[in-house]
Structures are given as C-alpha cells and as structure tokens.
Amino acid sequence: MLIPYMQVVSAKVIRNKQTGQSEGYGFVEFYSRAMAEKVLQNFNDLAIDVTDAMLQEVFASRFSSIKGAKVVIDSNTGRSKGYGFVRFGDENERTRAMTEMNGVYCSSRPMRVGVATPKKTYGNPQQYSSQ
C-alpha cells in the first residue's frame, strides 16, 4: 500500500547503536488517527477474526511442540492488532516454522512469520515466533 506523503508527519528507522544497521522496525507518525488506522489495517498480517485457538491450531497441525499461541489485542478497542505469537517447546521446530509457515493462510490472510524481538527481560527468554 502506498501512503500519500502528505499524510505522514515523520518516520524513523531504529538502528543498532553499535553497527548502525536497521533493527527491522521503526515508527511513522501520521497527521490523523484515521489515516494511521487505515494503514495499520492494511499492514497487519493476521485477519481480524483470528483467535488464539485458531492460531495455535494452524501451527499445531504441522508442529507437535507448540506450547501456546496468543493474538495481541488492543486494550482500548478489544480488537486484534493483527499479529500474535506462537510458543514452541522445540528450537528446531521453531526454526522450521519460520520458513514453512510463511505464506500459510490463517483465516483469510497469509501469515508473515519471523522471530519476535524480545523486550528486555531478566532470566530466560521464551521461544516465540511473531505473526
């Protein structure tokens, strides 16, 4: 989707402080909330009707080590934000899923699967893949 440049106030790519390379995400500020919501609806990878159970079922049908799945919900609207996480018990299956599940449909949309960037946590990071 092309975004009319007049709708964007600013854009910033987050870079690694040591290498200067992109961290793979950034921020875009829009002039209006309506435009931001329109853009987000078109860029989210999970269909609005996908539930935790649906997401888990799609992955569990191919991978036996699935420990759980979670669709991220907007706390203000109660609606899906269009992405989620799948937790694996086996590192090899997690790695395979990132390749094999890309483009697989969950409800009405193909998924885009990648490694979730963990928030800074203490202790052991959990194994998740982002949808």
C-alpha atoms as a PDB file:
ATOM      1  CA  MET A   1       0.000   0.000   0.000  1.00  0.00           C
ATOM      2  CA  LEU A   2       1.333   3.401  -0.899  1.00  0.00           C
ATOM      3  CA  ILE A   3       0.895   6.063   1.748  1.00  0.00           C
ATOM      4  CA  PRO A   4       0.422   9.619   0.471  1.00  0.00           C
ATOM      5  CA  TYR A   5       3.457  11.511   1.777  1.00  0.00           C
ATOM      6  CA  MET A   6       1.219  14.399   2.881  1.00  0.00           C
ATOM      7  CA  GLN A   7      -0.349  12.088   5.473  1.00  0.00           C
ATOM      8  CA  VAL A   8       2.985  11.355   7.189  1.00  0.00           C
ATOM      9  CA  VAL A   9       4.403  13.778   9.771  1.00  0.00           C
ATOM     10  CA  SER A  10       7.624  11.863  10.382  1.00  0.00           C
ATOM     11  CA  ALA A  11       9.242   8.453  10.006  1.00  0.00           C
ATOM     12  CA  LYS A  12      12.172   6.911  11.870  1.00  0.00           C
ATOM     13  CA  VAL A  13      14.039   3.626  11.355  1.00  0.00           C
ATOM     14  CA  ILE A  14      15.510   2.195  14.554  1.00  0.00           C
ATOM     15  CA  ARG A  15      19.178   1.305  14.149  1.00  0.00           C
ATOM     16  CA  ASN A  16      21.607  -0.776  16.158  1.00  0.00           C
ATOM     17  CA  LYS A  17      23.830   1.559  18.185  1.00  0.00           C
ATOM     18  CA  GLN A  18      26.990  -0.469  17.561  1.00  0.00           C
ATOM     19  CA  THR A  19      26.587  -1.412  13.886  1.00  0.00           C
ATOM     20  CA  GLY A  20      24.285   1.291  12.553  1.00  0.00           C
ATOM     21  CA  GLN A  21      22.268  -1.418  10.797  1.00  0.00           C
ATOM     22  CA  SER A  22      18.471  -1.370  10.837  1.00  0.00           C
ATOM     23  CA  GLU A  23      16.868  -3.320  13.696  1.00  0.00           C
ATOM     24  CA  GLY A  24      13.970  -4.155  11.370  1.00  0.00           C
ATOM     25  CA  TYR A  25      11.386  -1.766  12.753  1.00  0.00           C
ATOM     26  CA  GLY A  26      10.613   1.895  13.039  1.00  0.00           C
ATOM     27  CA  PHE A  27       7.958   4.490  13.732  1.00  0.00           C
ATOM     28  CA  VAL A  28       5.677   6.513  11.479  1.00  0.00           C
ATOM     29  CA  GLU A  29       3.678   9.482  12.751  1.00  0.00           C
ATOM     30  CA  PHE A  30       0.547  10.426  10.781  1.00  0.00           C
ATOM     31  CA  TYR A  31      -1.407  13.687  10.681  1.00  0.00           C
ATOM     32  CA  SER A  32      -4.610  11.879  11.639  1.00  0.00           C
ATOM     33  CA  ARG A  33      -5.604   8.851  13.667  1.00  0.00           C
ATOM     34  CA  ALA A  34      -7.942   7.805  10.843  1.00  0.00           C
ATOM     35  CA  MET A  35      -5.046   7.534   8.370  1.00  0.00           C
ATOM     36  CA  ALA A  36      -2.928   5.604  10.883  1.00  0.00           C
ATOM     37  CA  GLU A  37      -5.764   3.125  11.461  1.00  0.00           C
ATOM     38  CA  LYS A  38      -6.314   2.703   7.723  1.00  0.00           C
ATOM     39  CA  VAL A  39      -2.633   1.944   7.163  1.00  0.00           C
ATOM     40  CA  LEU A  40      -2.472  -0.481  10.093  1.00  0.00           C
ATOM     41  CA  GLN A  41      -5.496  -2.414   8.821  1.00  0.00           C
ATOM     42  CA  ASN A  42      -3.693  -2.993   5.539  1.00  0.00           C
ATOM     43  CA  PHE A  43      -0.345  -3.990   7.053  1.00  0.00           C
ATOM     44  CA  ASN A  44      -1.466  -6.383   9.766  1.00  0.00           C
ATOM     45  CA  ASP A  45      -0.757  -9.978   8.858  1.00  0.00           C
ATOM     46  CA  LEU A  46      -3.469 -11.779  10.803  1.00  0.00           C
ATOM     47  CA  ALA A  47      -7.106 -11.398   9.820  1.00  0.00           C
ATOM     48  CA  ILE A  48      -9.233  -9.578  12.380  1.00  0.00           C
ATOM     49  CA  ASP A  49     -11.195 -12.757  13.211  1.00  0.00           C
ATOM     50  CA  VAL A  50      -8.160 -14.910  14.158  1.00  0.00           C
ATOM     51  CA  THR A  51      -8.287 -16.135  17.751  1.00  0.00           C
ATOM     52  CA  ASP A  52      -5.638 -17.691  19.990  1.00  0.00           C
ATOM     53  CA  ALA A  53      -7.168 -21.120  19.345  1.00  0.00           C
ATOM     54  CA  MET A  54      -7.181 -20.671  15.561  1.00  0.00           C
ATOM     55  CA  LEU A  55      -3.550 -19.554  15.517  1.00  0.00           C
ATOM     56  CA  GLN A  56      -2.492 -22.448  17.723  1.00  0.00           C
ATOM     57  CA  GLU A  57      -4.415 -24.952  15.597  1.00  0.00           C
ATOM     58  CA  VAL A  58      -2.753 -23.807  12.359  1.00  0.00           C
ATOM     59  CA  PHE A  59       0.719 -24.317  13.840  1.00  0.00           C
ATOM     60  CA  ALA A  60      -0.126 -27.449  15.853  1.00  0.00           C
ATOM     61  CA  SER A  61      -1.340 -29.157  12.675  1.00  0.00           C
ATOM     62  CA  ARG A  62       2.298 -29.157  11.480  1.00  0.00           C
ATOM     63  CA  PHE A  63       4.398 -28.916  14.647  1.00  0.00           C
ATOM     64  CA  SER A  64       3.943 -31.073  17.738  1.00  0.00           C
ATOM     65  CA  SER A  65       5.929 -28.935  20.176  1.00  0.00           C
ATOM     66  CA  ILE A  66       3.519 -25.964  20.200  1.00  0.00           C
ATOM     67  CA  LYS A  67       3.079 -24.739  23.781  1.00  0.00           C
ATOM     68  CA  GLY A  68       0.628 -21.931  23.084  1.00  0.00           C
ATOM     69  CA  ALA A  69      -0.415 -19.090  20.809  1.00  0.00           C
ATOM     70  CA  LYS A  70      -1.519 -15.559  21.593  1.00  0.00           C
ATOM     71  CA  VAL A  71      -3.148 -12.973  19.326  1.00  0.00           C
ATOM     72  CA  VAL A  72      -2.350  -9.458  20.547  1.00  0.00           C
ATOM     73  CA  ILE A  73      -5.488  -7.480  21.437  1.00  0.00           C
ATOM     74  CA  ASP A  74      -5.743  -3.689  21.625  1.00  0.00           C
ATOM     75  CA  SER A  75      -6.715  -2.890  25.206  1.00  0.00           C
ATOM     76  CA  ASN A  76      -8.673   0.215  24.127  1.00  0.00           C
ATOM     77  CA  THR A  77     -10.774  -1.333  21.366  1.00  0.00           C
ATOM     78  CA  GLY A  78     -10.775  -5.010  22.320  1.00  0.00           C
ATOM     79  CA  ARG A  79      -9.895  -5.858  18.704  1.00  0.00           C
ATOM     80  CA  SER A  80      -6.949  -7.781  17.328  1.00  0.00           C
ATOM     81  CA  LYS A  81      -3.868  -5.735  16.474  1.00  0.00           C
ATOM     82  CA  GLY A  82      -3.260  -8.107  13.563  1.00  0.00           C
ATOM     83  CA  TYR A  83      -0.298 -10.016  14.946  1.00  0.00           C
ATOM     84  CA  GLY A  84       0.447 -12.658  17.528  1.00  0.00           C
ATOM     85  CA  PHE A  85       2.978 -15.031  18.996  1.00  0.00           C
ATOM     86  CA  VAL A  86       3.433 -18.787  18.955  1.00  0.00           C
ATOM     87  CA  ARG A  87       5.477 -20.509  21.653  1.00  0.00           C
ATOM     88  CA  PHE A  88       7.432 -23.643  20.801  1.00  0.00           C
ATOM     89  CA  GLY A  89       8.920 -26.331  23.018  1.00  0.00           C
ATOM     90  CA  ASP A  90      11.477 -27.364  20.398  1.00  0.00           C
ATOM     91  CA  GLU A  91      14.021 -24.963  18.908  1.00  0.00           C
ATOM     92  CA  ASN A  92      14.299 -26.966  15.664  1.00  0.00           C
ATOM     93  CA  GLU A  93      10.539 -26.787  15.092  1.00  0.00           C
ATOM     94  CA  ARG A  94      10.560 -23.054  15.805  1.00  0.00           C
ATOM     95  CA  THR A  95      13.276 -22.564  13.190  1.00  0.00           C
ATOM     96  CA  ARG A  96      11.433 -24.725  10.640  1.00  0.00           C
ATOM     97  CA  ALA A  97       8.152 -22.895  11.296  1.00  0.00           C
ATOM     98  CA  MET A  98       9.680 -19.552  10.379  1.00  0.00           C
ATOM     99  CA  THR A  99      10.320 -20.885   6.875  1.00  0.00           C
ATOM    100  CA  GLU A 100       7.488 -23.356   6.388  1.00  0.00           C
ATOM    101  CA  MET A 101       4.653 -21.209   7.777  1.00  0.00           C
ATOM    102  CA  ASN A 102       5.426 -18.051   5.794  1.00  0.00           C
ATOM    103  CA  GLY A 103       2.530 -17.511   3.392  1.00  0.00           C
ATOM    104  CA  VAL A 104       0.314 -20.170   5.002  1.00  0.00           C
ATOM    105  CA  TYR A 105      -3.245 -18.936   5.418  1.00  0.00           C
ATOM    106  CA  CYS A 106      -4.799 -18.488   8.833  1.00  0.00           C
ATOM    107  CA  SER A 107      -8.413 -17.495   8.227  1.00  0.00           C
ATOM    108  CA  SER A 108      -8.466 -15.215   5.178  1.00  0.00           C
ATOM    109  CA  ARG A 109      -4.854 -13.970   5.053  1.00  0.00           C
ATOM    110  CA  PRO A 110      -1.409 -15.455   4.501  1.00  0.00           C
ATOM    111  CA  MET A 111       0.862 -15.139   7.523  1.00  0.00           C
ATOM    112  CA  ARG A 112       4.261 -13.480   7.639  1.00  0.00           C
ATOM    113  CA  VAL A 113       6.367 -15.287  10.222  1.00  0.00           C
ATOM    114  CA  GLY A 114       9.564 -14.092  11.854  1.00  0.00           C
ATOM    115  CA  VAL A 115      11.482 -14.033  15.092  1.00  0.00           C
ATOM    116  CA  ALA A 116       9.909 -11.907  17.783  1.00  0.00           C
ATOM    117  CA  THR A 117      12.186  -9.256  19.205  1.00  0.00           C
ATOM    118  CA  PRO A 118      12.001  -9.845  22.953  1.00  0.00           C
ATOM    119  CA  LYS A 119      11.552  -6.948  25.304  1.00  0.00           C
ATOM    120  CA  LYS A 120      14.402  -6.605  27.747  1.00  0.00           C
ATOM    121  CA  THR A 121      13.654  -9.297  30.289  1.00  0.00           C
ATOM    122  CA  TYR A 122      15.582 -10.919  33.047  1.00  0.00           C
ATOM    123  CA  GLY A 123      16.064 -14.647  33.168  1.00  0.00           C
ATOM    124  CA  ASN A 124      15.479 -16.985  30.231  1.00  0.00           C
ATOM    125  CA  PRO A 125      13.771 -15.553  27.132  1.00  0.00           C
ATOM    126  CA  GLN A 126      10.857 -17.658  25.918  1.00  0.00           C
ATOM    127  CA  GLN A 127      10.832 -19.076  22.391  1.00  0.00           C
ATOM    128  CA  TYR A 128       8.245 -17.208  20.333  1.00  0.00           C
ATOM    129  CA  SER A 129       7.702 -16.553  16.668  1.00  0.00           C
ATOM    130  CA  SER A 130       5.836 -13.436  15.612  1.00  0.00           C
ATOM    131  CA  GLN A 131       2.925 -13.495  13.162  1.00  0.00           C
END
